[in-house]
Amino acid sequence: MKFSTPETEEVSINLTPLIDIVFLLLIFFMVSTTFQRETELEIALPEASTEAAGERAISALILEIDATGAYRMGTQTGGRLSEVASVSAEKLSETLKGVSGKNDTTTIIIKADAKTPHQAVVRALDAARQAGLTRVKFAAEMTAP
């Protein structure tokens, strides 16, 4: 007896839907991606003169605040640090105003202990504002990773 062999269908993979999905995903990501411009900082570089300065102005006031909220202040003139003296919280603004004088380029560097109360730092910032100091820096200790 002769049996007929069934015809086998050719197996094929249709790639058209796969290509359509890939193109749709590509279009989706292209449309939904936002492009950001990098922020730019305007920097006013300091100017140098060749003249020798007779009397150096105070370049920075250093205000230290310990963990109890007590203030100590020193000055930095030409890279040299002066002695540090205690200052009461009530007289802080007057002392800052007296030391900085009318020099608007004086920088105040605040060195606060890690456990310093937040109110002590805010009081120091307010005193600096009342004294007319607009350049404020916070000192931090860098640790190795």
Protein backbone atom coordinates (compact mmCIF):
# COMPACT_ATOMS: atom_id res chain seq x y z
CA MET A 1 0.00 0.00 0.00
CA LYS A 2 1.15 3.36 -0.90
CA PHE A 3 0.85 6.05 1.65
CA SER A 4 1.03 9.63 0.64
CA THR A 5 3.42 11.80 2.55
CA PRO A 6 1.82 14.95 3.79
CA GLU A 7 3.26 18.10 2.40
CA THR A 8 5.17 20.05 5.01
CA GLU A 9 4.75 23.76 5.16
CA GLU A 10 7.84 25.87 5.03
CA VAL A 11 8.54 27.49 8.39
CA SER A 12 9.48 31.15 8.24
CA ILE A 13 9.78 34.01 10.68
CA ASN A 14 8.12 37.22 9.69
CA LEU A 15 10.45 40.10 10.71
CA THR A 16 8.14 42.94 9.67
CA PRO A 17 6.37 43.32 13.06
CA LEU A 18 9.73 43.19 14.86
CA ILE A 19 11.16 45.97 12.69
CA ASP A 20 7.97 48.04 13.20
CA ILE A 21 8.27 47.75 16.98
CA VAL A 22 11.96 48.69 16.96
CA PHE A 23 11.23 51.79 14.86
CA LEU A 24 8.35 52.76 17.15
CA LEU A 25 10.60 52.45 20.21
CA LEU A 26 13.29 54.51 18.49
CA ILE A 27 10.80 57.25 17.65
CA PHE A 28 9.39 57.18 21.21
CA PHE A 29 12.82 57.63 22.80
CA MET A 30 13.81 60.35 20.36
CA VAL A 31 10.64 62.33 21.09
CA SER A 32 10.67 61.85 24.87
CA THR A 33 14.35 62.69 25.39
CA THR A 34 15.04 66.16 26.73
CA PHE A 35 18.25 67.92 25.89
CA GLN A 36 19.75 70.19 28.52
CA ARG A 37 22.18 72.99 28.08
CA GLU A 38 24.97 72.97 30.55
CA THR A 39 24.74 75.83 33.02
CA GLU A 40 27.31 78.53 32.63
CA LEU A 41 28.81 80.59 35.40
CA GLU A 42 29.72 84.19 34.93
CA ILE A 43 33.02 84.71 36.71
CA ALA A 44 34.62 88.06 37.38
CA LEU A 45 38.34 87.35 37.54
CA PRO A 46 40.46 89.41 39.91
CA GLU A 47 42.92 91.93 38.55
CA ALA A 48 46.56 92.09 39.56
CA SER A 49 48.72 95.15 39.75
CA THR A 50 52.49 95.38 39.74
CA GLU A 51 52.56 98.05 42.45
CA ALA A 52 53.60 97.00 45.92
CA ALA A 53 50.89 97.60 48.48
CA GLY A 54 52.04 99.58 51.48
CA GLU A 55 49.41 98.48 53.97
CA ARG A 56 47.60 95.27 53.22
CA ALA A 57 43.86 95.22 53.76
CA ILE A 58 42.17 92.39 55.57
CA SER A 59 41.42 89.78 52.94
CA ALA A 60 39.26 87.49 55.08
CA LEU A 61 37.57 87.32 58.45
CA ILE A 62 37.55 83.87 59.97
CA LEU A 63 34.64 83.16 62.30
CA GLU A 64 34.82 79.90 64.23
CA ILE A 65 31.74 78.50 65.94
CA ASP A 66 32.22 75.61 68.34
CA ALA A 67 29.72 72.91 69.32
CA THR A 68 28.30 75.05 72.16
CA GLY A 69 27.66 78.02 69.85
CA ALA A 70 30.54 80.18 71.13
CA TYR A 71 32.15 82.52 68.58
CA ARG A 72 35.86 83.18 68.00
CA MET A 73 37.09 85.52 65.31
CA GLY A 74 40.41 86.11 63.59
CA THR A 75 41.60 87.89 60.48
CA GLN A 76 43.66 86.80 57.52
CA THR A 77 45.91 89.41 55.96
CA GLY A 78 48.13 88.50 53.03
CA GLY A 79 47.99 84.79 53.80
CA ARG A 80 48.86 85.21 57.50
CA LEU A 81 46.31 84.35 60.19
CA SER A 82 46.06 86.67 63.20
CA GLU A 83 45.26 85.62 66.73
CA VAL A 84 41.77 84.36 67.37
CA ALA A 85 39.72 86.22 70.01
CA SER A 86 36.38 85.31 71.60
CA VAL A 87 33.36 87.37 70.62
CA SER A 88 29.96 87.42 72.30
CA ALA A 89 26.84 86.80 70.22
CA GLU A 90 25.45 90.23 71.10
CA LYS A 91 28.56 92.10 69.89
CA LEU A 92 29.18 89.93 66.81
CA SER A 93 27.68 92.33 64.27
CA GLU A 94 29.49 95.36 65.72
CA THR A 95 32.80 93.49 65.83
CA LEU A 96 32.45 92.32 62.23
CA LYS A 97 31.60 95.87 61.12
CA GLY A 98 34.57 97.30 63.02
CA VAL A 99 37.08 94.78 61.72
CA SER A 100 35.97 94.82 58.09
CA GLY A 101 35.71 98.62 57.97
CA LYS A 102 34.32 99.95 54.70
CA ASN A 103 36.07 97.31 52.59
CA ASP A 104 33.30 95.59 50.61
CA THR A 105 35.67 92.95 49.24
CA THR A 106 36.29 91.36 52.63
CA THR A 107 35.27 87.71 52.76
CA ILE A 108 33.97 86.05 55.89
CA ILE A 109 34.85 82.37 56.29
CA ILE A 110 32.59 80.52 58.71
CA LYS A 111 34.13 77.44 60.33
CA ALA A 112 31.37 75.70 62.26
CA ASP A 113 31.67 72.48 64.23
CA ALA A 114 29.61 69.55 62.96
CA LYS A 115 27.52 69.69 66.15
CA THR A 116 27.03 73.47 66.12
CA PRO A 117 23.40 74.51 66.63
CA HIS A 118 21.78 75.76 63.44
CA GLN A 119 20.72 78.96 65.24
CA ALA A 120 24.36 79.90 65.90
CA VAL A 121 25.20 79.70 62.18
CA VAL A 122 22.09 81.68 61.22
CA ARG A 123 22.98 84.32 63.83
CA ALA A 124 26.48 84.57 62.31
CA LEU A 125 25.04 84.98 58.80
CA ASP A 126 22.65 87.66 60.03
CA ALA A 127 25.49 89.51 61.77
CA ALA A 128 27.55 89.38 58.57
CA ARG A 129 24.63 90.82 56.61
CA GLN A 130 24.18 93.61 59.16
CA ALA A 131 27.90 94.39 58.94
CA GLY A 132 27.62 94.74 55.16
CA LEU A 133 29.63 91.63 54.32
CA THR A 134 28.31 90.02 51.15
CA ARG A 135 31.04 87.45 50.49
CA VAL A 136 30.47 84.44 52.74
CA LYS A 137 32.25 81.09 52.56
CA PHE A 138 31.77 77.97 54.62
CA ALA A 139 34.83 75.94 55.51
CA ALA A 140 34.60 72.15 55.24
CA GLU A 141 37.08 69.40 55.91
CA MET A 142 37.69 67.15 52.94
CA THR A 143 37.88 63.44 53.64
CA ALA A 144 39.48 60.82 51.45
CA PRO A 145 37.03 58.43 49.71
